[in-house]
Each structure stands twice: as C-alpha cells, then as structure tokens.
C-alpha cells in the first residue's frame, strides 16, 4: 500500500510539474508576442516620425493594400534610420516611389479641383459647366 501512495504522489508531482511548465511556456510566448508587437509599433512610430507631405497617407494605403509586405518595408526603413543611413525626412512621393520600386503599386484615389467663381469644382464638373455654357451660347445665336 505505501508503494501505491508513493506512485500516486509521483504521478501527481509529474502532472503538477507539467502544468507549471506549460503555464510558464504560455506566459513566455505571450510576453514574446507582446514584445514583438511593441517592437513593430516602435518601428512604425519611428518611420512615421520621419514622414511628411502625405507620407502618413501613403503608409496607411500601403498597410491597407499590402499589410504583410508593408510591415517588412517598415522594419527595413526603421533599421536604416537606426543605422543612420536615412538622415532626412521622407516625403510622401518618395515613399510612394519606394513602394512602386519594390513592386507594390498602390492604388491612390486622386481628384483635380479647380476654383471657379469662388467655388471648388472637380475637373469633370468644370468641363461639364463649360460645355453647357458653350452649348447655350451657341443655341442662342441660332
């Protein structure tokens, strides 16, 4: 009977040890994931601090259209900044060129605005209004 008690105690001890090691492993993984997220966020914040002139918008487009590739690009740009190979601020146009250079053609919504009699009109509205004005002048002459 005492042997049985020792065996049961040994099994309990092994199970407890396994549970504690699993808990420790889970905690370690969770902490490493959190540290990785903090590191990624820090890289992103570093890169954002170097962007100007619509750079933040270009980066946001990159993240929405190519999330995995953009994370890699952010990490590399942050490394270059830390190594002091990038010393100047990065304008949005240069960042867009970089995205295109590495094969990520970002789709950017653009519009042309024209001021007409104190109002901002889109280019298509301006053409439409000019066409209608010209057409009405021609019909009045007939």
C-alpha atoms as a PDB file:
ATOM      1  CA  UNK A   1       0.000   0.000   0.000  1.00  0.00           C
ATOM      2  CA  UNK A   2       2.769   2.501   0.770  1.00  0.00           C
ATOM      3  CA  UNK A   3       4.204   1.866  -2.686  1.00  0.00           C
ATOM      4  CA  UNK A   4       0.864   2.791  -4.238  1.00  0.00           C
ATOM      5  CA  UNK A   5       0.788   6.048  -2.292  1.00  0.00           C
ATOM      6  CA  UNK A   6       4.311   6.851  -3.452  1.00  0.00           C
ATOM      7  CA  UNK A   7       3.364   6.089  -7.064  1.00  0.00           C
ATOM      8  CA  UNK A   8       0.276   8.275  -6.814  1.00  0.00           C
ATOM      9  CA  UNK A   9       2.346  11.084  -5.265  1.00  0.00           C
ATOM     10  CA  UNK A  10       4.934  10.706  -8.021  1.00  0.00           C
ATOM     11  CA  UNK A  11       2.253  10.912 -10.721  1.00  0.00           C
ATOM     12  CA  UNK A  12       0.705  13.943  -9.063  1.00  0.00           C
ATOM     13  CA  UNK A  13       4.092  15.621  -8.873  1.00  0.00           C
ATOM     14  CA  UNK A  14       4.771  14.892 -12.549  1.00  0.00           C
ATOM     15  CA  UNK A  15       1.376  16.292 -13.572  1.00  0.00           C
ATOM     16  CA  UNK A  16       1.917  19.395 -11.443  1.00  0.00           C
ATOM     17  CA  UNK A  17       5.347  19.894 -12.986  1.00  0.00           C
ATOM     18  CA  UNK A  18       3.894  19.505 -16.484  1.00  0.00           C
ATOM     19  CA  UNK A  19       1.151  22.037 -15.709  1.00  0.00           C
ATOM     20  CA  UNK A  20       3.614  24.560 -14.301  1.00  0.00           C
ATOM     21  CA  UNK A  21       5.952  24.160 -17.245  1.00  0.00           C
ATOM     22  CA  UNK A  22       3.031  24.607 -19.667  1.00  0.00           C
ATOM     23  CA  UNK A  23       1.889  27.752 -17.835  1.00  0.00           C
ATOM     24  CA  UNK A  24       5.438  29.117 -17.888  1.00  0.00           C
ATOM     25  CA  UNK A  25       5.754  28.335 -21.612  1.00  0.00           C
ATOM     26  CA  UNK A  26       2.423  30.033 -22.377  1.00  0.00           C
ATOM     27  CA  UNK A  27       3.446  33.120 -20.399  1.00  0.00           C
ATOM     28  CA  UNK A  28       6.778  33.254 -22.187  1.00  0.00           C
ATOM     29  CA  UNK A  29       5.101  33.002 -25.604  1.00  0.00           C
ATOM     30  CA  UNK A  30       2.578  35.663 -24.666  1.00  0.00           C
ATOM     31  CA  UNK A  31       5.315  38.015 -23.482  1.00  0.00           C
ATOM     32  CA  UNK A  32       7.395  37.436 -26.633  1.00  0.00           C
ATOM     33  CA  UNK A  33       4.335  38.163 -28.804  1.00  0.00           C
ATOM     34  CA  UNK A  34       3.686  41.361 -26.840  1.00  0.00           C
ATOM     35  CA  UNK A  35       7.330  42.395 -27.143  1.00  0.00           C
ATOM     36  CA  UNK A  36       7.217  41.740 -30.887  1.00  0.00           C
ATOM     37  CA  UNK A  37       4.097  43.909 -31.202  1.00  0.00           C
ATOM     38  CA  UNK A  38       5.740  46.675 -29.174  1.00  0.00           C
ATOM     39  CA  UNK A  39       8.841  46.436 -31.361  1.00  0.00           C
ATOM     40  CA  UNK A  40       6.730  46.601 -34.536  1.00  0.00           C
ATOM     41  CA  UNK A  41       4.790  49.552 -33.146  1.00  0.00           C
ATOM     42  CA  UNK A  42       8.031  51.303 -32.215  1.00  0.00           C
ATOM     43  CA  UNK A  43       9.394  50.750 -35.737  1.00  0.00           C
ATOM     44  CA  UNK A  44       6.193  52.136 -37.210  1.00  0.00           C
ATOM     45  CA  UNK A  45       6.275  55.170 -34.915  1.00  0.00           C
ATOM     46  CA  UNK A  46       9.923  55.776 -35.812  1.00  0.00           C
ATOM     47  CA  UNK A  47       9.138  55.647 -39.527  1.00  0.00           C
ATOM     48  CA  UNK A  48       6.081  57.877 -39.028  1.00  0.00           C
ATOM     49  CA  UNK A  49       8.270  60.474 -37.309  1.00  0.00           C
ATOM     50  CA  UNK A  50      10.380  60.657 -40.479  1.00  0.00           C
ATOM     51  CA  UNK A  51       7.432  61.046 -42.882  1.00  0.00           C
ATOM     52  CA  UNK A  52       5.947  64.306 -44.144  1.00  0.00           C
ATOM     53  CA  UNK A  53       3.983  65.678 -47.094  1.00  0.00           C
ATOM     54  CA  UNK A  54       1.292  62.958 -47.276  1.00  0.00           C
ATOM     55  CA  UNK A  55       3.759  60.259 -46.189  1.00  0.00           C
ATOM     56  CA  UNK A  56       1.400  59.091 -43.444  1.00  0.00           C
ATOM     57  CA  UNK A  57      -1.385  58.687 -46.012  1.00  0.00           C
ATOM     58  CA  UNK A  58       0.857  56.694 -48.365  1.00  0.00           C
ATOM     59  CA  UNK A  59       1.926  54.439 -45.488  1.00  0.00           C
ATOM     60  CA  UNK A  60      -1.719  53.904 -44.474  1.00  0.00           C
ATOM     61  CA  UNK A  61      -2.585  52.959 -48.080  1.00  0.00           C
ATOM     62  CA  UNK A  62       0.323  50.538 -48.144  1.00  0.00           C
ATOM     63  CA  UNK A  63      -0.804  48.948 -44.891  1.00  0.00           C
ATOM     64  CA  UNK A  64      -4.360  48.554 -46.159  1.00  0.00           C
ATOM     65  CA  UNK A  65      -3.440  47.170 -49.588  1.00  0.00           C
ATOM     66  CA  UNK A  66      -0.263  45.184 -48.782  1.00  0.00           C
ATOM     67  CA  UNK A  67      -0.229  44.598 -44.993  1.00  0.00           C
ATOM     68  CA  UNK A  68       2.455  41.893 -44.760  1.00  0.00           C
ATOM     69  CA  UNK A  69       4.840  43.468 -47.255  1.00  0.00           C
ATOM     70  CA  UNK A  70       4.403  46.909 -45.694  1.00  0.00           C
ATOM     71  CA  UNK A  71       5.361  45.558 -42.249  1.00  0.00           C
ATOM     72  CA  UNK A  72       8.570  44.218 -43.775  1.00  0.00           C
ATOM     73  CA  UNK A  73       9.217  47.539 -45.503  1.00  0.00           C
ATOM     74  CA  UNK A  74       8.588  49.483 -42.279  1.00  0.00           C
ATOM     75  CA  UNK A  75      11.005  47.208 -40.428  1.00  0.00           C
ATOM     76  CA  UNK A  76      13.712  47.775 -43.062  1.00  0.00           C
ATOM     77  CA  UNK A  77      13.216  51.548 -43.165  1.00  0.00           C
ATOM     78  CA  UNK A  78      13.410  51.631 -39.349  1.00  0.00           C
ATOM     79  CA  UNK A  79      16.678  49.660 -39.485  1.00  0.00           C
ATOM     80  CA  UNK A  80      18.112  52.152 -41.977  1.00  0.00           C
ATOM     81  CA  UNK A  81      17.049  55.042 -39.761  1.00  0.00           C
ATOM     82  CA  UNK A  82      18.632  53.400 -36.703  1.00  0.00           C
ATOM     83  CA  UNK A  83      21.845  52.792 -38.661  1.00  0.00           C
ATOM     84  CA  UNK A  84      21.720  56.496 -39.608  1.00  0.00           C
ATOM     85  CA  UNK A  85      21.712  55.691 -43.321  1.00  0.00           C
ATOM     86  CA  UNK A  86      18.498  57.709 -43.621  1.00  0.00           C
ATOM     87  CA  UNK A  87      19.130  61.138 -42.152  1.00  0.00           C
ATOM     88  CA  UNK A  88      16.470  63.287 -43.807  1.00  0.00           C
ATOM     89  CA  UNK A  89      12.700  63.292 -43.575  1.00  0.00           C
ATOM     90  CA  UNK A  90      10.911  61.178 -46.206  1.00  0.00           C
ATOM     91  CA  UNK A  91       8.235  62.893 -48.332  1.00  0.00           C
ATOM     92  CA  UNK A  92       5.142  61.000 -49.404  1.00  0.00           C
ATOM     93  CA  UNK A  93       6.166  60.993 -53.053  1.00  0.00           C
ATOM     94  CA  UNK A  94       9.474  59.296 -52.286  1.00  0.00           C
ATOM     95  CA  UNK A  95       7.713  56.704 -50.120  1.00  0.00           C
ATOM     96  CA  UNK A  96       5.247  56.055 -52.952  1.00  0.00           C
ATOM     97  CA  UNK A  97       8.175  55.624 -55.359  1.00  0.00           C
ATOM     98  CA  UNK A  98       9.757  53.173 -52.911  1.00  0.00           C
ATOM     99  CA  UNK A  99       6.540  51.141 -52.757  1.00  0.00           C
ATOM    100  CA  UNK A 100       6.412  51.052 -56.549  1.00  0.00           C
ATOM    101  CA  UNK A 101      10.113  50.206 -56.825  1.00  0.00           C
ATOM    102  CA  UNK A 102       9.643  47.076 -54.721  1.00  0.00           C
ATOM    103  CA  UNK A 103       6.621  46.055 -56.794  1.00  0.00           C
ATOM    104  CA  UNK A 104       3.715  47.325 -54.705  1.00  0.00           C
ATOM    105  CA  UNK A 105       1.653  49.545 -56.985  1.00  0.00           C
ATOM    106  CA  UNK A 106      -0.595  51.372 -54.571  1.00  0.00           C
ATOM    107  CA  UNK A 107      -3.975  52.458 -55.845  1.00  0.00           C
ATOM    108  CA  UNK A 108      -4.376  56.090 -54.924  1.00  0.00           C
ATOM    109  CA  UNK A 109      -7.635  57.939 -55.320  1.00  0.00           C
ATOM    110  CA  UNK A 110      -6.880  61.305 -56.873  1.00  0.00           C
ATOM    111  CA  UNK A 111      -9.035  64.217 -57.885  1.00  0.00           C
ATOM    112  CA  UNK A 112      -8.332  67.520 -59.579  1.00  0.00           C
ATOM    113  CA  UNK A 113     -10.045  70.533 -58.055  1.00  0.00           C
ATOM    114  CA  UNK A 114     -10.409  73.866 -59.847  1.00  0.00           C
ATOM    115  CA  UNK A 115     -11.561  77.145 -58.366  1.00  0.00           C
ATOM    116  CA  UNK A 116     -14.357  78.659 -60.438  1.00  0.00           C
ATOM    117  CA  UNK A 117     -16.080  81.856 -59.258  1.00  0.00           C
ATOM    118  CA  UNK A 118     -15.051  81.217 -55.653  1.00  0.00           C
ATOM    119  CA  UNK A 119     -16.221  77.589 -55.660  1.00  0.00           C
ATOM    120  CA  UNK A 120     -14.055  74.477 -55.742  1.00  0.00           C
ATOM    121  CA  UNK A 121     -15.230  72.192 -58.540  1.00  0.00           C
ATOM    122  CA  UNK A 122     -13.932  68.846 -59.696  1.00  0.00           C
ATOM    123  CA  UNK A 123     -12.318  68.849 -63.111  1.00  0.00           C
ATOM    124  CA  UNK A 124     -15.240  66.900 -64.610  1.00  0.00           C
ATOM    125  CA  UNK A 125     -17.773  69.402 -63.191  1.00  0.00           C
ATOM    126  CA  UNK A 126     -15.762  72.289 -64.649  1.00  0.00           C
ATOM    127  CA  UNK A 127     -15.693  70.675 -68.087  1.00  0.00           C
ATOM    128  CA  UNK A 128     -19.418  69.917 -67.890  1.00  0.00           C
ATOM    129  CA  UNK A 129     -20.241  73.520 -66.909  1.00  0.00           C
ATOM    130  CA  UNK A 130     -18.030  74.952 -69.637  1.00  0.00           C
ATOM    131  CA  UNK A 131     -19.615  72.638 -72.201  1.00  0.00           C
ATOM    132  CA  UNK A 132     -23.125  73.620 -71.100  1.00  0.00           C
ATOM    133  CA  UNK A 133     -22.214  77.327 -71.199  1.00  0.00           C
ATOM    134  CA  UNK A 134     -20.747  76.994 -74.687  1.00  0.00           C
ATOM    135  CA  UNK A 135     -23.736  74.976 -75.876  1.00  0.00           C
ATOM    136  CA  UNK A 136     -26.215  77.509 -74.501  1.00  0.00           C
ATOM    137  CA  UNK A 137     -24.340  80.400 -76.172  1.00  0.00           C
ATOM    138  CA  UNK A 138     -24.369  78.569 -79.491  1.00  0.00           C
ATOM    139  CA  UNK A 139     -28.088  77.809 -79.273  1.00  0.00           C
ATOM    140  CA  UNK A 140     -28.845  81.486 -78.515  1.00  0.00           C
ATOM    141  CA  UNK A 141     -27.052  82.614 -81.689  1.00  0.00           C
ATOM    142  CA  UNK A 142     -29.223  80.474 -83.956  1.00  0.00           C
END
